[in-house]
PDB file of N, CA and C in Angstrom:
ATOM      1  N   MET A   1     159.632  61.318 -70.505  1.00  0.00           N
ATOM      2  CA  MET A   1     158.321  61.348 -69.928  1.00  0.00           C
ATOM      3  C   MET A   1     158.345  61.922 -68.509  1.00  0.00           C
ATOM      4  N   THR A   2     159.414  61.707 -67.760  1.00  0.00           N
ATOM      5  CA  THR A   2     159.458  62.204 -66.385  1.00  0.00           C
ATOM      6  C   THR A   2     159.396  63.720 -66.316  1.00  0.00           C
ATOM      7  N   SER A   3     159.707  64.402 -67.402  1.00  0.00           N
ATOM      8  CA  SER A   3     159.628  65.867 -67.387  1.00  0.00           C
ATOM      9  C   SER A   3     158.182  66.356 -67.368  1.00  0.00           C
ATOM     10  N   LYS A   4     157.233  65.478 -67.647  1.00  0.00           N
ATOM     11  CA  LYS A   4     155.825  65.866 -67.715  1.00  0.00           C
ATOM     12  C   LYS A   4     155.032  65.518 -66.459  1.00  0.00           C
ATOM     13  N   VAL A   5     155.693  65.003 -65.435  1.00  0.00           N
ATOM     14  CA  VAL A   5     154.996  64.625 -64.201  1.00  0.00           C
ATOM     15  C   VAL A   5     155.645  65.316 -63.008  1.00  0.00           C
ATOM     16  N   ASP A   6     154.891  65.406 -61.922  1.00  0.00           N
ATOM     17  CA  ASP A   6     155.431  65.994 -60.694  1.00  0.00           C
ATOM     18  C   ASP A   6     156.100  64.951 -59.808  1.00  0.00           C
ATOM     19  N   ALA A   7     155.653  63.706 -59.936  1.00  0.00           N
ATOM     20  CA  ALA A   7     156.180  62.618 -59.109  1.00  0.00           C
ATOM     21  C   ALA A   7     155.901  61.297 -59.812  1.00  0.00           C
ATOM     22  N   ILE A   8     156.555  60.246 -59.324  1.00  0.00           N
ATOM     23  CA  ILE A   8     156.372  58.905 -59.882  1.00  0.00           C
ATOM     24  C   ILE A   8     155.905  57.991 -58.760  1.00  0.00           C
ATOM     25  N   TRP A   9     154.811  57.285 -58.993  1.00  0.00           N
ATOM     26  CA  TRP A   9     154.299  56.307 -58.031  1.00  0.00           C
ATOM     27  C   TRP A   9     154.591  54.919 -58.565  1.00  0.00           C
ATOM     28  N   VAL A  10     155.129  54.055 -57.715  1.00  0.00           N
ATOM     29  CA  VAL A  10     155.485  52.698 -58.120  1.00  0.00           C
ATOM     30  C   VAL A  10     154.707  51.713 -57.249  1.00  0.00           C
ATOM     31  N   PRO A  11     153.815  50.911 -57.852  1.00  0.00           N
ATOM     32  CA  PRO A  11     153.037  49.952 -57.065  1.00  0.00           C
ATOM     33  C   PRO A  11     153.875  48.748 -56.649  1.00  0.00           C
ATOM     34  N   ILE A  12     153.308  47.931 -55.777  1.00  0.00           N
ATOM     35  CA  ILE A  12     153.948  46.664 -55.407  1.00  0.00           C
ATOM     36  C   ILE A  12     153.806  45.740 -56.610  1.00  0.00           C
ATOM     37  N   ASP A  13     154.909  45.349 -57.169  1.00  0.00           N
ATOM     38  CA  ASP A  13     154.910  44.483 -58.337  1.00  0.00           C
ATOM     39  C   ASP A  13     156.309  43.897 -58.466  1.00  0.00           C
ATOM     40  N   ASN A  14     156.408  42.580 -58.540  1.00  0.00           N
ATOM     41  CA  ASN A  14     157.724  41.938 -58.592  1.00  0.00           C
ATOM     42  C   ASN A  14     158.522  42.333 -59.830  1.00  0.00           C
ATOM     43  N   THR A  15     157.845  42.522 -60.954  1.00  0.00           N
ATOM     44  CA  THR A  15     158.554  42.909 -62.172  1.00  0.00           C
ATOM     45  C   THR A  15     159.179  44.288 -62.007  1.00  0.00           C
ATOM     46  N   ILE A  16     158.399  45.228 -61.486  1.00  0.00           N
ATOM     47  CA  ILE A  16     158.928  46.575 -61.272  1.00  0.00           C
ATOM     48  C   ILE A  16     159.996  46.564 -60.183  1.00  0.00           C
ATOM     49  N   ALA A  17     159.748  45.811 -59.120  1.00  0.00           N
ATOM     50  CA  ALA A  17     160.720  45.752 -58.022  1.00  0.00           C
ATOM     51  C   ALA A  17     162.075  45.252 -58.520  1.00  0.00           C
ATOM     52  N   SER A  18     162.057  44.259 -59.399  1.00  0.00           N
ATOM     53  CA  SER A  18     163.323  43.715 -59.893  1.00  0.00           C
ATOM     54  C   SER A  18     164.035  44.692 -60.826  1.00  0.00           C
ATOM     55  N   ALA A  19     163.298  45.654 -61.374  1.00  0.00           N
ATOM     56  CA  ALA A  19     163.902  46.640 -62.274  1.00  0.00           C
ATOM     57  C   ALA A  19     163.865  48.046 -61.675  1.00  0.00           C
ATOM     58  N   PHE A  20     163.706  48.142 -60.359  1.00  0.00           N
ATOM     59  CA  PHE A  20     163.565  49.452 -59.733  1.00  0.00           C
ATOM     60  C   PHE A  20     164.794  50.327 -59.950  1.00  0.00           C
ATOM     61  N   SER A  21     165.963  49.723 -60.011  1.00  0.00           N
ATOM     62  CA  SER A  21     167.178  50.514 -60.250  1.00  0.00           C
ATOM     63  C   SER A  21     167.102  51.234 -61.597  1.00  0.00           C
ATOM     64  N   THR A  22     166.418  50.641 -62.568  1.00  0.00           N
ATOM     65  CA  THR A  22     166.233  51.284 -63.868  1.00  0.00           C
ATOM     66  C   THR A  22     165.300  52.486 -63.741  1.00  0.00           C
ATOM     67  N   VAL A  23     164.252  52.346 -62.931  1.00  0.00           N
ATOM     68  CA  VAL A  23     163.338  53.470 -62.684  1.00  0.00           C
ATOM     69  C   VAL A  23     164.118  54.626 -62.065  1.00  0.00           C
ATOM     70  N   VAL A  24     164.938  54.313 -61.066  1.00  0.00           N
ATOM     71  CA  VAL A  24     165.721  55.344 -60.374  1.00  0.00           C
ATOM     72  C   VAL A  24     166.721  55.990 -61.331  1.00  0.00           C
ATOM     73  N   SER A  25     167.461  55.183 -62.082  1.00  0.00           N
ATOM     74  CA  SER A  25     168.483  55.754 -62.971  1.00  0.00           C
ATOM     75  C   SER A  25     167.864  56.563 -64.107  1.00  0.00           C
ATOM     76  N   SER A  26     166.698  56.149 -64.609  1.00  0.00           N
ATOM     77  CA  SER A  26     166.056  56.914 -65.686  1.00  0.00           C
ATOM     78  C   SER A  26     165.482  58.236 -65.176  1.00  0.00           C
ATOM     79  N   ASN A  27     165.399  58.380 -63.870  1.00  0.00           N
ATOM     80  CA  ASN A  27     164.877  59.599 -63.249  1.00  0.00           C
ATOM     81  C   ASN A  27     165.997  60.550 -62.817  1.00  0.00           C
ATOM     82  N   GLN A  28     167.237  60.198 -63.049  1.00  0.00           N
ATOM     83  CA  GLN A  28     168.368  60.998 -62.576  1.00  0.00           C
ATOM     84  C   GLN A  28     168.334  62.436 -63.090  1.00  0.00           C
ATOM     85  N   THR A  29     168.004  62.627 -64.344  1.00  0.00           N
ATOM     86  CA  THR A  29     167.986  63.971 -64.914  1.00  0.00           C
ATOM     87  C   THR A  29     166.777  64.770 -64.430  1.00  0.00           C
ATOM     88  N   ALA A  30     165.613  64.142 -64.426  1.00  0.00           N
ATOM     89  CA  ALA A  30     164.379  64.842 -64.045  1.00  0.00           C
ATOM     90  C   ALA A  30     164.313  65.127 -62.548  1.00  0.00           C
ATOM     91  N   LYS A  31     164.923  64.263 -61.752  1.00  0.00           N
ATOM     92  CA  LYS A  31     164.942  64.422 -60.292  1.00  0.00           C
ATOM     93  C   LYS A  31     163.543  64.611 -59.708  1.00  0.00           C
ATOM     94  N   LYS A  32     162.628  63.730 -60.096  1.00  0.00           N
ATOM     95  CA  LYS A  32     161.270  63.740 -59.554  1.00  0.00           C
ATOM     96  C   LYS A  32     161.213  62.788 -58.362  1.00  0.00           C
ATOM     97  N   PRO A  33     160.426  63.098 -57.356  1.00  0.00           N
ATOM     98  CA  PRO A  33     160.308  62.163 -56.238  1.00  0.00           C
ATOM     99  C   PRO A  33     159.594  60.888 -56.685  1.00  0.00           C
ATOM    100  N   ILE A  34     160.128  59.766 -56.242  1.00  0.00           N
ATOM    101  CA  ILE A  34     159.538  58.465 -56.544  1.00  0.00           C
ATOM    102  C   ILE A  34     158.911  57.944 -55.255  1.00  0.00           C
ATOM    103  N   TYR A  35     157.641  57.555 -55.343  1.00  0.00           N
ATOM    104  CA  TYR A  35     156.919  57.028 -54.186  1.00  0.00           C
ATOM    105  C   TYR A  35     156.595  55.555 -54.430  1.00  0.00           C
ATOM    106  N   PRO A  36     157.482  54.662 -54.001  1.00  0.00           N
ATOM    107  CA  PRO A  36     157.230  53.233 -54.173  1.00  0.00           C
ATOM    108  C   PRO A  36     156.395  52.682 -53.020  1.00  0.00           C
ATOM    109  N   ARG A  37     156.022  51.411 -53.097  1.00  0.00           N
ATOM    110  CA  ARG A  37     155.190  50.793 -52.073  1.00  0.00           C
ATOM    111  C   ARG A  37     155.939  49.764 -51.239  1.00  0.00           C
ATOM    112  N   ALA A  38     157.256  49.843 -51.203  1.00  0.00           N
ATOM    113  CA  ALA A  38     158.033  48.882 -50.420  1.00  0.00           C
ATOM    114  C   ALA A  38     159.230  49.576 -49.783  1.00  0.00           C
ATOM    115  N   THR A  39     159.538  49.169 -48.563  1.00  0.00           N
ATOM    116  CA  THR A  39     160.664  49.745 -47.828  1.00  0.00           C
ATOM    117  C   THR A  39     161.960  49.623 -48.619  1.00  0.00           C
ATOM    118  N   ALA A  40     162.206  48.449 -49.191  1.00  0.00           N
ATOM    119  CA  ALA A  40     163.454  48.231 -49.935  1.00  0.00           C
ATOM    120  C   ALA A  40     163.595  49.215 -51.093  1.00  0.00           C
ATOM    121  N   MET A  41     162.476  49.587 -51.702  1.00  0.00           N
ATOM    122  CA  MET A  41     162.545  50.530 -52.820  1.00  0.00           C
ATOM    123  C   MET A  41     162.788  51.960 -52.333  1.00  0.00           C
ATOM    124  N   VAL A  42     162.298  52.306 -51.152  1.00  0.00           N
ATOM    125  CA  VAL A  42     162.634  53.618 -50.587  1.00  0.00           C
ATOM    126  C   VAL A  42     164.127  53.645 -50.286  1.00  0.00           C
ATOM    127  N   GLU A  43     164.635  52.557 -49.739  1.00  0.00           N
ATOM    128  CA  GLU A  43     166.070  52.466 -49.441  1.00  0.00           C
ATOM    129  C   GLU A  43     166.913  52.541 -50.712  1.00  0.00           C
ATOM    130  N   ALA A  44     166.338  52.111 -51.844  1.00  0.00           N
ATOM    131  CA  ALA A  44     167.083  52.049 -53.106  1.00  0.00           C
ATOM    132  C   ALA A  44     166.872  53.265 -54.002  1.00  0.00           C
ATOM    133  N   GLY A  45     166.239  54.324 -53.476  1.00  0.00           N
ATOM    134  CA  GLY A  45     166.106  55.530 -54.278  1.00  0.00           C
ATOM    135  C   GLY A  45     164.730  56.154 -54.316  1.00  0.00           C
ATOM    136  N   GLY A  46     163.781  55.581 -53.589  1.00  0.00           N
ATOM    137  CA  GLY A  46     162.469  56.203 -53.481  1.00  0.00           C
ATOM    138  C   GLY A  46     162.491  57.265 -52.399  1.00  0.00           C
ATOM    139  N   LEU A  47     161.540  58.182 -52.443  1.00  0.00           N
ATOM    140  CA  LEU A  47     161.498  59.252 -51.451  1.00  0.00           C
ATOM    141  C   LEU A  47     160.770  58.835 -50.180  1.00  0.00           C
ATOM    142  N   ALA A  48     159.605  58.242 -50.321  1.00  0.00           N
ATOM    143  CA  ALA A  48     158.824  57.907 -49.132  1.00  0.00           C
ATOM    144  C   ALA A  48     157.721  56.928 -49.493  1.00  0.00           C
ATOM    145  N   SER A  49     157.204  56.273 -48.462  1.00  0.00           N
ATOM    146  CA  SER A  49     156.101  55.344 -48.654  1.00  0.00           C
ATOM    147  C   SER A  49     155.415  55.093 -47.324  1.00  0.00           C
ATOM    148  N   VAL A  50     154.211  54.599 -47.399  1.00  0.00           N
ATOM    149  CA  VAL A  50     153.541  54.025 -46.236  1.00  0.00           C
ATOM    150  C   VAL A  50     153.395  52.549 -46.571  1.00  0.00           C
ATOM    151  N   VAL A  51     154.008  51.707 -45.762  1.00  0.00           N
ATOM    152  CA  VAL A  51     154.095  50.286 -46.088  1.00  0.00           C
ATOM    153  C   VAL A  51     153.427  49.433 -45.018  1.00  0.00           C
ATOM    154  N   VAL A  52     152.991  48.263 -45.436  1.00  0.00           N
ATOM    155  CA  VAL A  52     152.482  47.256 -44.515  1.00  0.00           C
ATOM    156  C   VAL A  52     153.676  46.487 -43.987  1.00  0.00           C
ATOM    157  N   ASP A  53     153.700  46.240 -42.698  1.00  0.00           N
ATOM    158  CA  ASP A  53     154.776  45.455 -42.103  1.00  0.00           C
ATOM    159  C   ASP A  53     154.717  44.035 -42.671  1.00  0.00           C
ATOM    160  N   GLN A  54     155.781  43.607 -43.336  1.00  0.00           N
ATOM    161  CA  GLN A  54     155.795  42.302 -43.993  1.00  0.00           C
ATOM    162  C   GLN A  54     155.662  41.153 -42.995  1.00  0.00           C
ATOM    163  N   HIS A  55     156.181  41.316 -41.788  1.00  0.00           N
ATOM    164  CA  HIS A  55     156.025  40.288 -40.761  1.00  0.00           C
ATOM    165  C   HIS A  55     154.553  40.144 -40.393  1.00  0.00           C
ATOM    166  N   ASP A  56     153.883  41.266 -40.161  1.00  0.00           N
ATOM    167  CA  ASP A  56     152.453  41.233 -39.833  1.00  0.00           C
ATOM    168  C   ASP A  56     151.643  40.614 -40.967  1.00  0.00           C
ATOM    169  N   LEU A  57     152.017  40.928 -42.195  1.00  0.00           N
ATOM    170  CA  LEU A  57     151.343  40.352 -43.353  1.00  0.00           C
ATOM    171  C   LEU A  57     151.520  38.837 -43.377  1.00  0.00           C
ATOM    172  N   GLY A  58     152.728  38.374 -43.087  1.00  0.00           N
ATOM    173  CA  GLY A  58     152.992  36.937 -43.048  1.00  0.00           C
ATOM    174  C   GLY A  58     152.201  36.232 -41.964  1.00  0.00           C
ATOM    175  N   VAL A  59     152.097  36.847 -40.790  1.00  0.00           N
ATOM    176  CA  VAL A  59     151.320  36.264 -39.688  1.00  0.00           C
ATOM    177  C   VAL A  59     149.850  36.155 -40.087  1.00  0.00           C
ATOM    178  N   ALA A  60     149.300  37.220 -40.664  1.00  0.00           N
ATOM    179  CA  ALA A  60     147.896  37.202 -41.083  1.00  0.00           C
ATOM    180  C   ALA A  60     147.656  36.141 -42.156  1.00  0.00           C
ATOM    181  N   THR A  61     148.585  36.020 -43.088  1.00  0.00           N
ATOM    182  CA  THR A  61     148.470  35.010 -44.140  1.00  0.00           C
ATOM    183  C   THR A  61     148.516  33.608 -43.547  1.00  0.00           C
ATOM    184  N   GLY A  62     149.420  33.390 -42.594  1.00  0.00           N
ATOM    185  CA  GLY A  62     149.517  32.093 -41.929  1.00  0.00           C
ATOM    186  C   GLY A  62     148.232  31.714 -41.222  1.00  0.00           C
ATOM    187  N   LYS A  63     147.594  32.681 -40.575  1.00  0.00           N
ATOM    188  CA  LYS A  63     146.323  32.415 -39.884  1.00  0.00           C
ATOM    189  C   LYS A  63     145.230  32.036 -40.880  1.00  0.00           C
ATOM    190  N   MET A  64     145.214  32.702 -42.026  1.00  0.00           N
ATOM    191  CA  MET A  64     144.227  32.370 -43.057  1.00  0.00           C
ATOM    192  C   MET A  64     144.462  30.961 -43.592  1.00  0.00           C
ATOM    193  N   ILE A  65     145.706  30.622 -43.829  1.00  0.00           N
ATOM    194  CA  ILE A  65     146.040  29.291 -44.342  1.00  0.00           C
ATOM    195  C   ILE A  65     145.681  28.222 -43.322  1.00  0.00           C
ATOM    196  N   ALA A  66     145.941  28.497 -42.042  1.00  0.00           N
ATOM    197  CA  ALA A  66     145.609  27.534 -40.987  1.00  0.00           C
ATOM    198  C   ALA A  66     144.116  27.238 -40.979  1.00  0.00           C
ATOM    199  N   LYS A  67     143.280  28.251 -41.171  1.00  0.00           N
ATOM    200  CA  LYS A  67     141.828  28.041 -41.202  1.00  0.00           C
ATOM    201  C   LYS A  67     141.436  27.137 -42.369  1.00  0.00           C
ATOM    202  N   VAL A  68     142.049  27.361 -43.530  1.00  0.00           N
ATOM    203  CA  VAL A  68     141.754  26.540 -44.705  1.00  0.00           C
ATOM    204  C   VAL A  68     142.214  25.106 -44.469  1.00  0.00           C
ATOM    205  N   LEU A  69     143.390  24.936 -43.873  1.00  0.00           N
ATOM    206  CA  LEU A  69     143.898  23.589 -43.596  1.00  0.00           C
ATOM    207  C   LEU A  69     143.033  22.853 -42.578  1.00  0.00           C
ATOM    208  N   LYS A  70     142.310  23.606 -41.753  1.00  0.00           N
ATOM    209  CA  LYS A  70     141.405  22.998 -40.769  1.00  0.00           C
ATOM    210  C   LYS A  70     140.011  22.761 -41.347  1.00  0.00           C
ATOM    211  N   GLY A  71     139.844  23.035 -42.636  1.00  0.00           N
ATOM    212  CA  GLY A  71     138.587  22.707 -43.290  1.00  0.00           C
ATOM    213  C   GLY A  71     137.732  23.869 -43.750  1.00  0.00           C
ATOM    214  N   GLU A  72     138.079  25.079 -43.387  1.00  0.00           N
ATOM    215  CA  GLU A  72     137.283  26.221 -43.837  1.00  0.00           C
ATOM    216  C   GLU A  72     137.464  26.395 -45.342  1.00  0.00           C
ATOM    217  N   LYS A  73     136.377  26.667 -46.028  1.00  0.00           N
ATOM    218  CA  LYS A  73     136.451  26.853 -47.477  1.00  0.00           C
ATOM    219  C   LYS A  73     137.136  28.189 -47.791  1.00  0.00           C
ATOM    220  N   PRO A  74     138.074  28.186 -48.728  1.00  0.00           N
ATOM    221  CA  PRO A  74     138.727  29.447 -49.090  1.00  0.00           C
ATOM    222  C   PRO A  74     137.725  30.531 -49.499  1.00  0.00           C
ATOM    223  N   ALA A  75     136.640  30.129 -50.154  1.00  0.00           N
ATOM    224  CA  ALA A  75     135.630  31.104 -50.584  1.00  0.00           C
ATOM    225  C   ALA A  75     134.933  31.767 -49.399  1.00  0.00           C
ATOM    226  N   ASP A  76     134.950  31.105 -48.236  1.00  0.00           N
ATOM    227  CA  ASP A  76     134.317  31.659 -47.040  1.00  0.00           C
ATOM    228  C   ASP A  76     135.290  32.461 -46.178  1.00  0.00           C
ATOM    229  N   THR A  77     136.539  32.504 -46.590  1.00  0.00           N
ATOM    230  CA  THR A  77     137.552  33.238 -45.830  1.00  0.00           C
ATOM    231  C   THR A  77     137.459  34.717 -46.193  1.00  0.00           C
ATOM    232  N   PRO A  78     137.240  35.580 -45.209  1.00  0.00           N
ATOM    233  CA  PRO A  78     137.114  37.010 -45.533  1.00  0.00           C
ATOM    234  C   PRO A  78     138.445  37.612 -45.991  1.00  0.00           C
ATOM    235  N   VAL A  79     138.333  38.639 -46.779  1.00  0.00           N
ATOM    236  CA  VAL A  79     139.510  39.381 -47.215  1.00  0.00           C
ATOM    237  C   VAL A  79     140.022  40.186 -46.025  1.00  0.00           C
ATOM    238  N   ASN A  80     141.315  40.129 -45.784  1.00  0.00           N
ATOM    239  CA  ASN A  80     141.917  40.871 -44.681  1.00  0.00           C
ATOM    240  C   ASN A  80     142.533  42.148 -45.244  1.00  0.00           C
ATOM    241  N   VAL A  81     142.055  43.280 -44.779  1.00  0.00           N
ATOM    242  CA  VAL A  81     142.573  44.567 -45.231  1.00  0.00           C
ATOM    243  C   VAL A  81     143.308  45.225 -44.070  1.00  0.00           C
ATOM    244  N   PHE A  82     144.564  45.571 -44.293  1.00  0.00           N
ATOM    245  CA  PHE A  82     145.340  46.250 -43.257  1.00  0.00           C
ATOM    246  C   PHE A  82     144.963  47.729 -43.253  1.00  0.00           C
ATOM    247  N   SER A  83     144.635  48.234 -42.094  1.00  0.00           N
ATOM    248  CA  SER A  83     144.244  49.643 -41.996  1.00  0.00           C
ATOM    249  C   SER A  83     145.370  50.509 -41.424  1.00  0.00           C
ATOM    250  N   THR A  84     146.488  49.877 -41.118  1.00  0.00           N
ATOM    251  CA  THR A  84     147.619  50.631 -40.593  1.00  0.00           C
ATOM    252  C   THR A  84     148.867  50.306 -41.398  1.00  0.00           C
ATOM    253  N   GLY A  85     149.814  51.181 -41.306  1.00  0.00           N
ATOM    254  CA  GLY A  85     151.094  50.972 -41.967  1.00  0.00           C
ATOM    255  C   GLY A  85     152.121  51.859 -41.298  1.00  0.00           C
ATOM    256  N   LYS A  86     153.345  51.745 -41.752  1.00  0.00           N
ATOM    257  CA  LYS A  86     154.383  52.622 -41.204  1.00  0.00           C
ATOM    258  C   LYS A  86     154.965  53.442 -42.343  1.00  0.00           C
ATOM    259  N   SER A  87     155.287  54.676 -42.031  1.00  0.00           N
ATOM    260  CA  SER A  87     155.882  55.531 -43.051  1.00  0.00           C
ATOM    261  C   SER A  87     157.392  55.328 -43.066  1.00  0.00           C
ATOM    262  N   VAL A  88     157.927  55.315 -44.266  1.00  0.00           N
ATOM    263  CA  VAL A  88     159.367  55.192 -44.480  1.00  0.00           C
ATOM    264  C   VAL A  88     159.777  56.404 -45.309  1.00  0.00           C
ATOM    265  N   ILE A  89     160.746  57.161 -44.812  1.00  0.00           N
ATOM    266  CA  ILE A  89     161.149  58.406 -45.471  1.00  0.00           C
ATOM    267  C   ILE A  89     162.651  58.395 -45.722  1.00  0.00           C
ATOM    268  N   ASN A  90     163.027  58.708 -46.949  1.00  0.00           N
ATOM    269  CA  ASN A  90     164.431  58.808 -47.323  1.00  0.00           C
ATOM    270  C   ASN A  90     164.837  60.280 -47.180  1.00  0.00           C
ATOM    271  N   LYS A  91     165.269  60.640 -45.975  1.00  0.00           N
ATOM    272  CA  LYS A  91     165.623  62.032 -45.669  1.00  0.00           C
ATOM    273  C   LYS A  91     166.801  62.503 -46.518  1.00  0.00           C
ATOM    274  N   LYS A  92     167.753  61.623 -46.731  1.00  0.00           N
ATOM    275  CA  LYS A  92     168.928  61.968 -47.538  1.00  0.00           C
ATOM    276  C   LYS A  92     168.502  62.366 -48.951  1.00  0.00           C
ATOM    277  N   LEU A  93     167.629  61.578 -49.550  1.00  0.00           N
ATOM    278  CA  LEU A  93     167.162  61.882 -50.904  1.00  0.00           C
ATOM    279  C   LEU A  93     166.322  63.157 -50.916  1.00  0.00           C
ATOM    280  N   ALA A  94     165.501  63.350 -49.894  1.00  0.00           N
ATOM    281  CA  ALA A  94     164.691  64.574 -49.816  1.00  0.00           C
ATOM    282  C   ALA A  94     165.595  65.798 -49.863  1.00  0.00           C
ATOM    283  N   GLN A  95     166.688  65.758 -49.122  1.00  0.00           N
ATOM    284  CA  GLN A  95     167.632  66.879 -49.118  1.00  0.00           C
ATOM    285  C   GLN A  95     168.247  67.079 -50.496  1.00  0.00           C
ATOM    286  N   GLU A  96     168.601  65.976 -51.165  1.00  0.00           N
ATOM    287  CA  GLU A  96     169.178  66.066 -52.512  1.00  0.00           C
ATOM    288  C   GLU A  96     168.189  66.678 -53.505  1.00  0.00           C
ATOM    289  N   LEU A  97     166.890  66.402 -53.311  1.00  0.00           N
ATOM    290  CA  LEU A  97     165.859  66.916 -54.212  1.00  0.00           C
ATOM    291  C   LEU A  97     165.376  68.311 -53.816  1.00  0.00           C
ATOM    292  N   GLY A  98     165.878  68.818 -52.688  1.00  0.00           N
ATOM    293  CA  GLY A  98     165.445  70.129 -52.219  1.00  0.00           C
ATOM    294  C   GLY A  98     164.067  70.115 -51.581  1.00  0.00           C
ATOM    295  N   ILE A  99     163.668  68.956 -51.080  1.00  0.00           N
ATOM    296  CA  ILE A  99     162.359  68.807 -50.437  1.00  0.00           C
ATOM    297  C   ILE A  99     162.556  68.814 -48.928  1.00  0.00           C
ATOM    298  N   THR A 100     161.826  69.668 -48.247  1.00  0.00           N
ATOM    299  CA  THR A 100     161.915  69.743 -46.794  1.00  0.00           C
ATOM    300  C   THR A 100     160.815  68.890 -46.177  1.00  0.00           C
ATOM    301  N   ILE A 101     161.215  67.907 -45.402  1.00  0.00           N
ATOM    302  CA  ILE A 101     160.261  67.075 -44.664  1.00  0.00           C
ATOM    303  C   ILE A 101     160.153  67.680 -43.269  1.00  0.00           C
ATOM    304  N   PRO A 102     158.964  68.075 -42.844  1.00  0.00           N
ATOM    305  CA  PRO A 102     158.833  68.666 -41.510  1.00  0.00           C
ATOM    306  C   PRO A 102     159.338  67.719 -40.416  1.00  0.00           C
ATOM    307  N   GLU A 103     159.974  68.282 -39.421  1.00  0.00           N
ATOM    308  CA  GLU A 103     160.518  67.490 -38.314  1.00  0.00           C
ATOM    309  C   GLU A 103     159.427  66.670 -37.638  1.00  0.00           C
ATOM    310  N   SER A 104     158.224  67.214 -37.544  1.00  0.00           N
ATOM    311  CA  SER A 104     157.120  66.475 -36.919  1.00  0.00           C
ATOM    312  C   SER A 104     156.791  65.204 -37.700  1.00  0.00           C
ATOM    313  N   VAL A 105     156.908  65.247 -39.022  1.00  0.00           N
ATOM    314  CA  VAL A 105     156.661  64.070 -39.857  1.00  0.00           C
ATOM    315  C   VAL A 105     157.784  63.058 -39.666  1.00  0.00           C
ATOM    316  N   LEU A 106     159.019  63.531 -39.615  1.00  0.00           N
ATOM    317  CA  LEU A 106     160.157  62.633 -39.410  1.00  0.00           C
ATOM    318  C   LEU A 106     160.063  61.927 -38.057  1.00  0.00           C
ATOM    319  N   LYS A 107     159.612  62.639 -37.026  1.00  0.00           N
ATOM    320  CA  LYS A 107     159.497  62.039 -35.693  1.00  0.00           C
ATOM    321  C   LYS A 107     158.446  60.936 -35.656  1.00  0.00           C
ATOM    322  N   GLU A 108     157.392  61.074 -36.449  1.00  0.00           N
ATOM    323  CA  GLU A 108     156.310  60.088 -36.478  1.00  0.00           C
ATOM    324  C   GLU A 108     156.607  58.911 -37.413  1.00  0.00           C
ATOM    325  N   ALA A 109     157.630  59.042 -38.239  1.00  0.00           N
ATOM    326  CA  ALA A 109     157.933  58.006 -39.232  1.00  0.00           C
ATOM    327  C   ALA A 109     158.362  56.705 -38.570  1.00  0.00           C
ATOM    328  N   GLY A 110     157.994  55.608 -39.200  1.00  0.00           N
ATOM    329  CA  GLY A 110     158.431  54.303 -38.715  1.00  0.00           C
ATOM    330  C   GLY A 110     159.900  54.059 -39.000  1.00  0.00           C
ATOM    331  N   GLN A 111     160.404  54.670 -40.080  1.00  0.00           N
ATOM    332  CA  GLN A 111     161.816  54.532 -40.448  1.00  0.00           C
ATOM    333  C   GLN A 111     162.248  55.769 -41.223  1.00  0.00           C
ATOM    334  N   VAL A 112     163.395  56.313 -40.864  1.00  0.00           N
ATOM    335  CA  VAL A 112     163.973  57.450 -41.580  1.00  0.00           C
ATOM    336  C   VAL A 112     165.352  57.029 -42.070  1.00  0.00           C
ATOM    337  N   ILE A 113     165.566  57.163 -43.364  1.00  0.00           N
ATOM    338  CA  ILE A 113     166.860  56.836 -43.961  1.00  0.00           C
ATOM    339  C   ILE A 113     167.665  58.126 -44.010  1.00  0.00           C
ATOM    340  N   GLU A 114     168.790  58.124 -43.294  1.00  0.00           N
ATOM    341  CA  GLU A 114     169.611  59.344 -43.182  1.00  0.00           C
ATOM    342  C   GLU A 114     170.537  59.470 -44.347  1.00  0.00           C
TER     343      GLU A 114
END
């Protein structure tokens, strides 16, 4: 199936995350870029992602829980949407795939895997 796509997108999902090595190994022949939604998956064979900082996510979650513990109804708690993220780029893999990442993009990245 990978021969019929230009790239593979992998959402945040614990089932997929636990089997991400299978996604990477099944893509060895096709050599398509994989765009996962977690830093660990970029480190494990994905090409790039824009991720939410997990620490910031934990802090925001803690604040929401504190409000509920102080009596606020969960139904009245607004949904928190993160409007920022950091880019993570696997430069080593990009080179292996023959993909050139512009230097300006690498300089702006939150993390570059060499």
